[in-house]
PDB file of N, CA and C in Angstrom:
ATOM      1  N   MET A   1     206.038 207.848   3.817  1.00  0.00           N
ATOM      2  CA  MET A   1     205.643 207.836   2.391  1.00  0.00           C
ATOM      3  C   MET A   1     205.487 209.338   2.208  1.00  0.00           C
ATOM      4  N   ILE A   2     206.020 209.838   1.160  1.00  0.00           N
ATOM      5  CA  ILE A   2     205.879 211.283   0.730  1.00  0.00           C
ATOM      6  C   ILE A   2     204.600 211.468  -0.012  1.00  0.00           C
ATOM      7  N   SER A   3     203.916 212.478   0.245  1.00  0.00           N
ATOM      8  CA  SER A   3     202.631 212.812  -0.428  1.00  0.00           C
ATOM      9  C   SER A   3     202.850 213.564  -1.708  1.00  0.00           C
ATOM     10  N   PRO A   4     201.954 213.337  -2.646  1.00  0.00           N
ATOM     11  CA  PRO A   4     202.100 214.142  -3.921  1.00  0.00           C
ATOM     12  C   PRO A   4     202.246 215.634  -3.899  1.00  0.00           C
ATOM     13  N   GLY A   5     201.596 216.170  -2.865  1.00  0.00           N
ATOM     14  CA  GLY A   5     201.803 217.654  -2.449  1.00  0.00           C
ATOM     15  C   GLY A   5     203.171 217.942  -2.354  1.00  0.00           C
ATOM     16  N   ALA A   6     203.842 217.096  -1.668  1.00  0.00           N
ATOM     17  CA  ALA A   6     205.266 217.271  -1.192  1.00  0.00           C
ATOM     18  C   ALA A   6     206.258 217.334  -2.400  1.00  0.00           C
ATOM     19  N   SER A   7     205.880 216.556  -3.426  1.00  0.00           N
ATOM     20  CA  SER A   7     206.698 216.453  -4.619  1.00  0.00           C
ATOM     21  C   SER A   7     206.566 217.715  -5.518  1.00  0.00           C
ATOM     22  N   ALA A   8     205.219 218.252  -5.504  1.00  0.00           N
ATOM     23  CA  ALA A   8     204.999 219.498  -6.198  1.00  0.00           C
ATOM     24  C   ALA A   8     205.766 220.587  -5.414  1.00  0.00           C
ATOM     25  N   GLU A   9     205.809 220.583  -4.129  1.00  0.00           N
ATOM     26  CA  GLU A   9     206.492 221.575  -3.421  1.00  0.00           C
ATOM     27  C   GLU A   9     208.129 221.624  -3.628  1.00  0.00           C
ATOM     28  N   ALA A  10     208.541 220.352  -3.629  1.00  0.00           N
ATOM     29  CA  ALA A  10     209.952 220.222  -3.985  1.00  0.00           C
ATOM     30  C   ALA A  10     210.324 220.583  -5.327  1.00  0.00           C
ATOM     31  N   VAL A  11     209.554 220.403  -6.346  1.00  0.00           N
ATOM     32  CA  VAL A  11     209.800 221.051  -7.706  1.00  0.00           C
ATOM     33  C   VAL A  11     209.703 222.513  -7.712  1.00  0.00           C
ATOM     34  N   ARG A  12     208.812 223.030  -6.942  1.00  0.00           N
ATOM     35  CA  ARG A  12     208.679 224.487  -6.925  1.00  0.00           C
ATOM     36  C   ARG A  12     209.900 225.047  -6.292  1.00  0.00           C
ATOM     37  N   LEU A  13     210.350 224.450  -5.115  1.00  0.00           N
ATOM     38  CA  LEU A  13     211.517 225.063  -4.477  1.00  0.00           C
ATOM     39  C   LEU A  13     212.776 224.885  -5.291  1.00  0.00           C
ATOM     40  N   PHE A  14     212.970 223.704  -5.985  1.00  0.00           N
ATOM     41  CA  PHE A  14     214.134 223.515  -6.812  1.00  0.00           C
ATOM     42  C   PHE A  14     214.238 224.232  -8.057  1.00  0.00           C
ATOM     43  N   SER A  15     213.095 224.558  -8.582  1.00  0.00           N
ATOM     44  CA  SER A  15     213.032 225.079  -9.988  1.00  0.00           C
ATOM     45  C   SER A  15     213.821 226.477 -10.132  1.00  0.00           C
ATOM     46  N   PHE A  16     213.880 227.357  -9.150  1.00  0.00           N
ATOM     47  CA  PHE A  16     214.459 228.626  -9.176  1.00  0.00           C
ATOM     48  C   PHE A  16     215.980 228.249  -9.402  1.00  0.00           C
ATOM     49  N   SER A  17     216.494 227.110  -8.970  1.00  0.00           N
ATOM     50  CA  SER A  17     217.972 227.019  -9.217  1.00  0.00           C
ATOM     51  C   SER A  17     218.357 227.037 -10.739  1.00  0.00           C
ATOM     52  N   TYR A  18     217.389 226.776 -11.701  1.00  0.00           N
ATOM     53  CA  TYR A  18     217.640 226.775 -13.093  1.00  0.00           C
ATOM     54  C   TYR A  18     217.708 228.226 -13.635  1.00  0.00           C
ATOM     55  N   LEU A  19     217.170 229.258 -12.905  1.00  0.00           N
ATOM     56  CA  LEU A  19     217.254 230.536 -13.351  1.00  0.00           C
ATOM     57  C   LEU A  19     218.670 231.112 -13.125  1.00  0.00           C
ATOM     58  N   VAL A  20     219.426 230.639 -12.169  1.00  0.00           N
ATOM     59  CA  VAL A  20     220.696 231.405 -11.789  1.00  0.00           C
ATOM     60  C   VAL A  20     221.802 230.270 -11.965  1.00  0.00           C
ATOM     61  N   GLY A  21     221.531 229.016 -12.019  1.00  0.00           N
ATOM     62  CA  GLY A  21     222.417 228.009 -12.131  1.00  0.00           C
ATOM     63  C   GLY A  21     223.398 228.105 -13.302  1.00  0.00           C
ATOM     64  N   TRP A  22     223.087 228.766 -14.363  1.00  0.00           N
ATOM     65  CA  TRP A  22     223.906 228.791 -15.602  1.00  0.00           C
ATOM     66  C   TRP A  22     225.160 229.813 -15.433  1.00  0.00           C
ATOM     67  N   ILE A  23     225.008 230.820 -14.468  1.00  0.00           N
ATOM     68  CA  ILE A  23     226.021 231.854 -14.495  1.00  0.00           C
ATOM     69  C   ILE A  23     227.371 231.272 -14.165  1.00  0.00           C
ATOM     70  N   ASP A  24     227.628 230.537 -13.123  1.00  0.00           N
ATOM     71  CA  ASP A  24     228.934 229.855 -12.800  1.00  0.00           C
ATOM     72  C   ASP A  24     229.441 229.083 -13.799  1.00  0.00           C
ATOM     73  N   MET A  25     228.672 228.210 -14.485  1.00  0.00           N
ATOM     74  CA  MET A  25     229.216 227.382 -15.574  1.00  0.00           C
ATOM     75  C   MET A  25     229.611 228.199 -16.719  1.00  0.00           C
ATOM     76  N   CYS A  26     228.716 229.131 -17.148  1.00  0.00           N
ATOM     77  CA  CYS A  26     229.107 229.906 -18.221  1.00  0.00           C
ATOM     78  C   CYS A  26     230.468 230.785 -18.030  1.00  0.00           C
ATOM     79  N   PHE A  27     230.493 231.405 -16.808  1.00  0.00           N
ATOM     80  CA  PHE A  27     231.657 232.283 -16.586  1.00  0.00           C
ATOM     81  C   PHE A  27     232.894 231.368 -16.320  1.00  0.00           C
ATOM     82  N   SER A  28     232.802 230.270 -15.744  1.00  0.00           N
ATOM     83  CA  SER A  28     233.898 229.417 -15.599  1.00  0.00           C
ATOM     84  C   SER A  28     234.573 229.111 -17.042  1.00  0.00           C
ATOM     85  N   SER A  29     233.612 228.817 -18.005  1.00  0.00           N
ATOM     86  CA  SER A  29     234.287 228.724 -19.384  1.00  0.00           C
ATOM     87  C   SER A  29     234.941 229.948 -19.794  1.00  0.00           C
ATOM     88  N   TYR A  30     234.225 231.170 -19.606  1.00  0.00           N
ATOM     89  CA  TYR A  30     234.739 232.499 -19.970  1.00  0.00           C
ATOM     90  C   TYR A  30     236.252 232.717 -19.365  1.00  0.00           C
ATOM     91  N   PHE A  31     236.255 232.389 -18.128  1.00  0.00           N
ATOM     92  CA  PHE A  31     237.473 232.762 -17.441  1.00  0.00           C
ATOM     93  C   PHE A  31     238.701 231.889 -17.968  1.00  0.00           C
ATOM     94  N   THR A  32     238.309 230.550 -18.360  1.00  0.00           N
ATOM     95  CA  THR A  32     239.330 229.620 -18.905  1.00  0.00           C
ATOM     96  C   THR A  32     239.682 230.138 -20.259  1.00  0.00           C
ATOM     97  N   ALA A  33     238.679 230.570 -21.104  1.00  0.00           N
ATOM     98  CA  ALA A  33     239.138 231.237 -22.380  1.00  0.00           C
ATOM     99  C   ALA A  33     239.973 232.326 -22.349  1.00  0.00           C
ATOM    100  N   LEU A  34     239.877 233.139 -21.285  1.00  0.00           N
ATOM    101  CA  LEU A  34     240.545 234.400 -21.139  1.00  0.00           C
ATOM    102  C   LEU A  34     241.993 234.032 -20.489  1.00  0.00           C
ATOM    103  N   ASP A  35     242.213 232.757 -20.224  1.00  0.00           N
ATOM    104  CA  ASP A  35     243.447 232.286 -19.607  1.00  0.00           C
ATOM    105  C   ASP A  35     243.561 232.933 -18.229  1.00  0.00           C
ATOM    106  N   ARG A  36     242.316 232.696 -17.430  1.00  0.00           N
ATOM    107  CA  ARG A  36     242.249 233.004 -16.044  1.00  0.00           C
ATOM    108  C   ARG A  36     241.926 231.761 -15.318  1.00  0.00           C
ATOM    109  N   PRO A  37     242.913 230.770 -15.126  1.00  0.00           N
ATOM    110  CA  PRO A  37     242.576 229.520 -14.651  1.00  0.00           C
ATOM    111  C   PRO A  37     242.185 229.487 -13.068  1.00  0.00           C
ATOM    112  N   VAL A  38     242.786 230.309 -12.410  1.00  0.00           N
ATOM    113  CA  VAL A  38     242.513 230.417 -10.996  1.00  0.00           C
ATOM    114  C   VAL A  38     240.999 230.874 -10.659  1.00  0.00           C
ATOM    115  N   ARG A  39     240.518 231.904 -11.434  1.00  0.00           N
ATOM    116  CA  ARG A  39     239.204 232.387 -11.282  1.00  0.00           C
ATOM    117  C   ARG A  39     238.265 231.272 -11.749  1.00  0.00           C
ATOM    118  N   SER A  40     238.550 230.576 -12.714  1.00  0.00           N
ATOM    119  CA  SER A  40     237.801 229.445 -13.290  1.00  0.00           C
ATOM    120  C   SER A  40     237.638 228.271 -12.250  1.00  0.00           C
ATOM    121  N   LEU A  41     238.837 228.067 -11.627  1.00  0.00           N
ATOM    122  CA  LEU A  41     238.851 226.988 -10.589  1.00  0.00           C
ATOM    123  C   LEU A  41     238.056 227.256  -9.397  1.00  0.00           C
ATOM    124  N   LEU A  42     238.154 228.629  -8.997  1.00  0.00           N
ATOM    125  CA  LEU A  42     237.466 229.024  -7.797  1.00  0.00           C
ATOM    126  C   LEU A  42     236.010 229.005  -7.944  1.00  0.00           C
ATOM    127  N   VAL A  43     235.612 229.493  -9.259  1.00  0.00           N
ATOM    128  CA  VAL A  43     234.102 229.443  -9.454  1.00  0.00           C
ATOM    129  C   VAL A  43     233.616 228.006  -9.540  1.00  0.00           C
ATOM    130  N   SER A  44     234.174 227.132 -10.087  1.00  0.00           N
ATOM    131  CA  SER A  44     233.777 225.845 -10.198  1.00  0.00           C
ATOM    132  C   SER A  44     233.914 225.036  -8.894  1.00  0.00           C
ATOM    133  N   PHE A  45     234.888 225.286  -8.054  1.00  0.00           N
ATOM    134  CA  PHE A  45     235.027 224.746  -6.744  1.00  0.00           C
ATOM    135  C   PHE A  45     233.995 225.281  -5.750  1.00  0.00           C
ATOM    136  N   PHE A  46     233.726 226.498  -5.729  1.00  0.00           N
ATOM    137  CA  PHE A  46     232.713 227.060  -4.827  1.00  0.00           C
ATOM    138  C   PHE A  46     231.370 226.664  -5.308  1.00  0.00           C
ATOM    139  N   GLY A  47     231.155 226.703  -6.640  1.00  0.00           N
ATOM    140  CA  GLY A  47     229.787 226.294  -7.172  1.00  0.00           C
ATOM    141  C   GLY A  47     229.319 224.989  -7.165  1.00  0.00           C
ATOM    142  N   THR A  48     230.436 224.046  -7.051  1.00  0.00           N
ATOM    143  CA  THR A  48     230.104 222.536  -7.011  1.00  0.00           C
ATOM    144  C   THR A  48     230.375 221.801  -5.679  1.00  0.00           C
ATOM    145  N   LEU A  49     231.198 222.429  -4.848  1.00  0.00           N
ATOM    146  CA  LEU A  49     231.426 221.814  -3.462  1.00  0.00           C
ATOM    147  C   LEU A  49     231.097 222.655  -2.225  1.00  0.00           C
ATOM    148  N   VAL A  50     231.675 223.911  -2.254  1.00  0.00           N
ATOM    149  CA  VAL A  50     231.728 224.666  -1.113  1.00  0.00           C
ATOM    150  C   VAL A  50     230.312 225.156  -0.709  1.00  0.00           C
ATOM    151  N   PHE A  51     229.798 225.821  -1.622  1.00  0.00           N
ATOM    152  CA  PHE A  51     228.418 226.398  -1.406  1.00  0.00           C
ATOM    153  C   PHE A  51     227.420 225.291  -1.094  1.00  0.00           C
ATOM    154  N   PRO A  52     227.216 224.337  -2.089  1.00  0.00           N
ATOM    155  CA  PRO A  52     226.264 223.278  -1.788  1.00  0.00           C
ATOM    156  C   PRO A  52     226.259 222.647  -0.504  1.00  0.00           C
ATOM    157  N   LEU A  53     227.635 222.219   0.000  1.00  0.00           N
ATOM    158  CA  LEU A  53     227.707 221.672   1.209  1.00  0.00           C
ATOM    159  C   LEU A  53     227.355 222.571   2.414  1.00  0.00           C
ATOM    160  N   ALA A  54     227.794 223.848   2.349  1.00  0.00           N
ATOM    161  CA  ALA A  54     227.508 224.828   3.421  1.00  0.00           C
ATOM    162  C   ALA A  54     225.900 225.055   3.444  1.00  0.00           C
ATOM    163  N   PHE A  55     225.422 225.099   2.186  1.00  0.00           N
ATOM    164  CA  PHE A  55     223.927 225.401   2.450  1.00  0.00           C
ATOM    165  C   PHE A  55     223.100 224.243   2.778  1.00  0.00           C
ATOM    166  N   LEU A  56     223.710 223.027   2.395  1.00  0.00           N
ATOM    167  CA  LEU A  56     222.992 221.767   2.762  1.00  0.00           C
ATOM    168  C   LEU A  56     222.883 221.645   4.311  1.00  0.00           C
ATOM    169  N   PHE A  57     224.078 222.015   4.984  1.00  0.00           N
ATOM    170  CA  PHE A  57     224.015 221.752   6.385  1.00  0.00           C
ATOM    171  C   PHE A  57     223.180 222.962   7.081  1.00  0.00           C
ATOM    172  N   LEU A  58     223.350 224.186   6.573  1.00  0.00           N
ATOM    173  CA  LEU A  58     222.497 225.368   7.142  1.00  0.00           C
ATOM    174  C   LEU A  58     221.064 225.187   6.998  1.00  0.00           C
ATOM    175  N   LEU A  59     220.673 224.834   5.715  1.00  0.00           N
ATOM    176  CA  LEU A  59     219.099 224.881   5.372  1.00  0.00           C
ATOM    177  C   LEU A  59     218.498 223.644   5.807  1.00  0.00           C
ATOM    178  N   THR A  60     219.194 222.437   5.945  1.00  0.00           N
ATOM    179  CA  THR A  60     218.390 221.313   6.381  1.00  0.00           C
ATOM    180  C   THR A  60     218.226 221.367   7.993  1.00  0.00           C
ATOM    181  N   ALA A  61     219.203 221.977   8.548  1.00  0.00           N
ATOM    182  CA  ALA A  61     219.029 222.255  10.009  1.00  0.00           C
ATOM    183  C   ALA A  61     217.999 223.064  10.403  1.00  0.00           C
ATOM    184  N   ARG A  62     217.565 224.100   9.491  1.00  0.00           N
ATOM    185  CA  ARG A  62     216.513 225.033   9.788  1.00  0.00           C
ATOM    186  C   ARG A  62     215.049 224.505   9.132  1.00  0.00           C
ATOM    187  N   TRP A  63     215.111 223.977   7.892  1.00  0.00           N
ATOM    188  CA  TRP A  63     213.926 223.778   7.286  1.00  0.00           C
ATOM    189  C   TRP A  63     213.645 222.171   7.037  1.00  0.00           C
ATOM    190  N   GLY A  64     214.671 221.327   7.354  1.00  0.00           N
ATOM    191  CA  GLY A  64     214.396 219.950   7.140  1.00  0.00           C
ATOM    192  C   GLY A  64     214.531 219.446   5.728  1.00  0.00           C
ATOM    193  N   LEU A  65     213.575 218.728   5.278  1.00  0.00           N
ATOM    194  CA  LEU A  65     213.443 218.229   3.869  1.00  0.00           C
ATOM    195  C   LEU A  65     213.478 219.426   2.766  1.00  0.00           C
ATOM    196  N   ASN A  66     212.562 220.393   3.068  1.00  0.00           N
ATOM    197  CA  ASN A  66     212.483 221.551   2.178  1.00  0.00           C
ATOM    198  C   ASN A  66     213.964 222.315   2.067  1.00  0.00           C
ATOM    199  N   GLY A  67     214.796 222.058   3.153  1.00  0.00           N
ATOM    200  CA  GLY A  67     216.162 222.781   3.109  1.00  0.00           C
ATOM    201  C   GLY A  67     217.098 222.100   2.008  1.00  0.00           C
ATOM    202  N   ILE A  68     216.598 220.732   1.778  1.00  0.00           N
ATOM    203  CA  ILE A  68     217.576 220.115   0.702  1.00  0.00           C
ATOM    204  C   ILE A  68     217.191 220.700  -0.557  1.00  0.00           C
ATOM    205  N   TRP A  69     215.892 220.944  -0.772  1.00  0.00           N
ATOM    206  CA  TRP A  69     215.408 221.424  -2.138  1.00  0.00           C
ATOM    207  C   TRP A  69     215.892 222.946  -2.339  1.00  0.00           C
ATOM    208  N   LEU A  70     215.889 223.594  -1.206  1.00  0.00           N
ATOM    209  CA  LEU A  70     216.366 225.158  -1.251  1.00  0.00           C
ATOM    210  C   LEU A  70     217.865 225.197  -1.507  1.00  0.00           C
ATOM    211  N   MET A  71     218.470 224.210  -0.996  1.00  0.00           N
ATOM    212  CA  MET A  71     220.094 224.181  -1.121  1.00  0.00           C
ATOM    213  C   MET A  71     220.492 224.508  -2.652  1.00  0.00           C
ATOM    214  N   ALA A  72     219.857 223.856  -3.590  1.00  0.00           N
ATOM    215  CA  ALA A  72     220.324 224.227  -4.910  1.00  0.00           C
ATOM    216  C   ALA A  72     220.059 225.704  -5.356  1.00  0.00           C
ATOM    217  N   SER A  73     219.096 226.109  -5.023  1.00  0.00           N
ATOM    218  CA  SER A  73     218.775 227.591  -5.406  1.00  0.00           C
ATOM    219  C   SER A  73     219.706 228.518  -4.624  1.00  0.00           C
ATOM    220  N   ALA A  74     219.926 228.189  -3.318  1.00  0.00           N
ATOM    221  CA  ALA A  74     220.803 229.084  -2.542  1.00  0.00           C
ATOM    222  C   ALA A  74     222.098 228.977  -2.960  1.00  0.00           C
ATOM    223  N   SER A  75     222.721 227.857  -3.204  1.00  0.00           N
ATOM    224  CA  SER A  75     224.061 227.626  -3.635  1.00  0.00           C
ATOM    225  C   SER A  75     224.373 228.255  -5.046  1.00  0.00           C
ATOM    226  N   ALA A  76     223.278 228.068  -5.897  1.00  0.00           N
ATOM    227  CA  ALA A  76     223.574 228.609  -7.364  1.00  0.00           C
ATOM    228  C   ALA A  76     223.422 230.265  -7.244  1.00  0.00           C
ATOM    229  N   THR A  77     222.568 230.773  -6.355  1.00  0.00           N
ATOM    230  CA  THR A  77     222.614 232.187  -6.288  1.00  0.00           C
ATOM    231  C   THR A  77     223.866 232.709  -5.652  1.00  0.00           C
ATOM    232  N   ALA A  78     224.365 232.159  -4.532  1.00  0.00           N
ATOM    233  CA  ALA A  78     225.697 232.566  -3.863  1.00  0.00           C
ATOM    234  C   ALA A  78     226.732 232.308  -4.965  1.00  0.00           C
ATOM    235  N   SER A  79     226.879 231.226  -5.663  1.00  0.00           N
ATOM    236  CA  SER A  79     227.899 231.087  -6.665  1.00  0.00           C
ATOM    237  C   SER A  79     227.748 232.081  -7.847  1.00  0.00           C
ATOM    238  N   GLY A  80     226.669 232.451  -8.267  1.00  0.00           N
ATOM    239  CA  GLY A  80     226.429 233.323  -9.264  1.00  0.00           C
ATOM    240  C   GLY A  80     226.836 234.771  -8.809  1.00  0.00           C
ATOM    241  N   MET A  81     226.592 235.077  -7.542  1.00  0.00           N
ATOM    242  CA  MET A  81     227.040 236.425  -6.941  1.00  0.00           C
ATOM    243  C   MET A  81     228.635 236.386  -6.868  1.00  0.00           C
ATOM    244  N   LEU A  82     229.199 235.439  -6.576  1.00  0.00           N
ATOM    245  CA  LEU A  82     230.595 235.277  -6.409  1.00  0.00           C
ATOM    246  C   LEU A  82     231.263 235.378  -7.828  1.00  0.00           C
ATOM    247  N   THR A  83     230.758 234.680  -8.774  1.00  0.00           N
ATOM    248  CA  THR A  83     231.111 234.699 -10.125  1.00  0.00           C
ATOM    249  C   THR A  83     230.976 236.206 -10.832  1.00  0.00           C
ATOM    250  N   LEU A  84     229.764 236.806 -10.557  1.00  0.00           N
ATOM    251  CA  LEU A  84     229.737 238.126 -11.093  1.00  0.00           C
ATOM    252  C   LEU A  84     230.613 239.060 -10.411  1.00  0.00           C
ATOM    253  N   GLY A  85     231.090 238.838  -9.166  1.00  0.00           N
ATOM    254  CA  GLY A  85     232.052 239.534  -8.486  1.00  0.00           C
ATOM    255  C   GLY A  85     233.377 239.405  -9.154  1.00  0.00           C
ATOM    256  N   PHE A  86     233.851 238.167  -9.506  1.00  0.00           N
ATOM    257  CA  PHE A  86     234.938 237.857 -10.199  1.00  0.00           C
ATOM    258  C   PHE A  86     235.095 238.631 -11.628  1.00  0.00           C
ATOM    259  N   ALA A  87     233.841 238.493 -12.303  1.00  0.00           N
ATOM    260  CA  ALA A  87     233.744 239.175 -13.684  1.00  0.00           C
ATOM    261  C   ALA A  87     233.866 240.638 -13.424  1.00  0.00           C
ATOM    262  N   TYR A  88     233.359 241.194 -12.507  1.00  0.00           N
ATOM    263  CA  TYR A  88     233.403 242.735 -12.223  1.00  0.00           C
ATOM    264  C   TYR A  88     234.912 243.118 -12.043  1.00  0.00           C
ATOM    265  N   THR A  89     235.720 242.305 -11.040  1.00  0.00           N
ATOM    266  CA  THR A  89     237.015 242.640 -10.854  1.00  0.00           C
ATOM    267  C   THR A  89     237.818 242.480 -12.171  1.00  0.00           C
ATOM    268  N   LEU A  90     237.546 241.494 -12.919  1.00  0.00           N
ATOM    269  CA  LEU A  90     238.222 241.270 -14.268  1.00  0.00           C
ATOM    270  C   LEU A  90     238.092 242.521 -15.122  1.00  0.00           C
ATOM    271  N   LYS A  91     236.775 243.043 -15.194  1.00  0.00           N
ATOM    272  CA  LYS A  91     236.630 244.245 -15.788  1.00  0.00           C
ATOM    273  C   LYS A  91     237.216 245.449 -15.295  1.00  0.00           C
ATOM    274  N   LEU A  92     237.335 245.445 -14.059  1.00  0.00           N
ATOM    275  CA  LEU A  92     238.054 246.643 -13.465  1.00  0.00           C
ATOM    276  C   LEU A  92     239.603 246.496 -13.797  1.00  0.00           C
ATOM    277  N   ASP A  93     240.140 245.266 -13.805  1.00  0.00           N
ATOM    278  CA  ASP A  93     241.491 245.018 -14.156  1.00  0.00           C
ATOM    279  C   ASP A  93     241.822 245.319 -15.571  1.00  0.00           C
ATOM    280  N   ALA A  94     240.980 244.956 -16.422  1.00  0.00           N
ATOM    281  CA  ALA A  94     241.123 245.254 -17.798  1.00  0.00           C
ATOM    282  C   ALA A  94     240.927 246.864 -18.060  1.00  0.00           C
ATOM    283  N   HIS A  95     240.183 247.524 -17.431  1.00  0.00           N
ATOM    284  CA  HIS A  95     239.966 248.984 -17.532  1.00  0.00           C
ATOM    285  C   HIS A  95     241.209 249.644 -16.968  1.00  0.00           C
ATOM    286  N   THR A  96     241.761 249.220 -15.949  1.00  0.00           N
ATOM    287  CA  THR A  96     243.057 249.752 -15.391  1.00  0.00           C
ATOM    288  C   THR A  96     244.139 249.563 -16.262  1.00  0.00           C
ATOM    289  N   THR A  97     244.320 248.387 -16.807  1.00  0.00           N
ATOM    290  CA  THR A  97     245.349 247.980 -17.686  1.00  0.00           C
ATOM    291  C   THR A  97     245.301 248.798 -18.911  1.00  0.00           C
ATOM    292  N   CYS A  98     244.043 248.906 -19.427  1.00  0.00           N
ATOM    293  CA  CYS A  98     243.823 249.686 -20.720  1.00  0.00           C
ATOM    294  C   CYS A  98     244.146 251.114 -20.509  1.00  0.00           C
ATOM    295  N   ARG A  99     243.727 251.720 -19.405  1.00  0.00           N
ATOM    296  CA  ARG A  99     244.094 253.217 -19.016  1.00  0.00           C
ATOM    297  C   ARG A  99     245.646 253.373 -18.885  1.00  0.00           C
ATOM    298  N   GLN A 100     246.291 252.360 -18.306  1.00  0.00           N
ATOM    299  CA  GLN A 100     247.739 252.588 -18.290  1.00  0.00           C
ATOM    300  C   GLN A 100     248.374 252.283 -19.554  1.00  0.00           C
ATOM    301  N   SER A 101     247.933 251.504 -20.551  1.00  0.00           N
ATOM    302  CA  SER A 101     248.311 251.425 -21.869  1.00  0.00           C
ATOM    303  C   SER A 101     247.978 252.512 -22.771  1.00  0.00           C
ATOM    304  N   TRP A 102     246.879 253.165 -22.534  1.00  0.00           N
ATOM    305  CA  TRP A 102     246.425 254.287 -23.244  1.00  0.00           C
ATOM    306  C   TRP A 102     247.403 255.404 -22.991  1.00  0.00           C
ATOM    307  N   ARG A 103     247.874 255.709 -21.907  1.00  0.00           N
ATOM    308  CA  ARG A 103     248.954 256.700 -21.634  1.00  0.00           C
ATOM    309  C   ARG A 103     250.188 256.498 -22.423  1.00  0.00           C
ATOM    310  N   ASN A 104     250.447 255.189 -22.666  1.00  0.00           N
ATOM    311  CA  ASN A 104     251.688 254.774 -23.384  1.00  0.00           C
ATOM    312  C   ASN A 104     251.368 254.762 -24.991  1.00  0.00           C
ATOM    313  N   GLY A 105     250.013 254.863 -25.268  1.00  0.00           N
ATOM    314  CA  GLY A 105     249.531 255.024 -26.726  1.00  0.00           C
ATOM    315  C   GLY A 105     249.202 253.572 -27.305  1.00  0.00           C
ATOM    316  N   SER A 106     249.214 252.634 -26.489  1.00  0.00           N
ATOM    317  CA  SER A 106     249.029 251.250 -27.072  1.00  0.00           C
ATOM    318  C   SER A 106     247.639 250.541 -26.739  1.00  0.00           C
ATOM    319  N   CYS A 107     246.676 251.273 -26.191  1.00  0.00           N
ATOM    320  CA  CYS A 107     245.400 250.667 -25.962  1.00  0.00           C
ATOM    321  C   CYS A 107     244.542 250.907 -27.041  1.00  0.00           C
ATOM    322  N   ALA A 108     243.935 249.868 -27.592  1.00  0.00           N
ATOM    323  CA  ALA A 108     242.830 249.860 -28.643  1.00  0.00           C
ATOM    324  C   ALA A 108     241.554 250.143 -28.027  1.00  0.00           C
ATOM    325  N   THR A 109     240.737 251.000 -28.529  1.00  0.00           N
ATOM    326  CA  THR A 109     239.428 251.204 -28.177  1.00  0.00           C
ATOM    327  C   THR A 109     238.362 250.647 -28.881  1.00  0.00           C
TER     328      THR A 109
END
């Protein structure tokens, strides 16, 4: 039987995932809109399968039941960092392309 205090602890541990969980979903749609399907697929795949499974095994081995609740926050944070890395490289790609086009006189600022 799980005590009421354990439920409150679970909600407290899981609630952080709501702060960072939107990043991968939002940017996955953004990458799709920019016609970057590979980035969108990687963000979705890592955010919904790879990171949750990896953190589930790692955190439950260390912290047991609390590891299950921490898994959502850890995977959302890792997925958000991966997604922001993809967004940063997209910005660098756009900046490089614009710089090359600017030399040809075709980059709008």
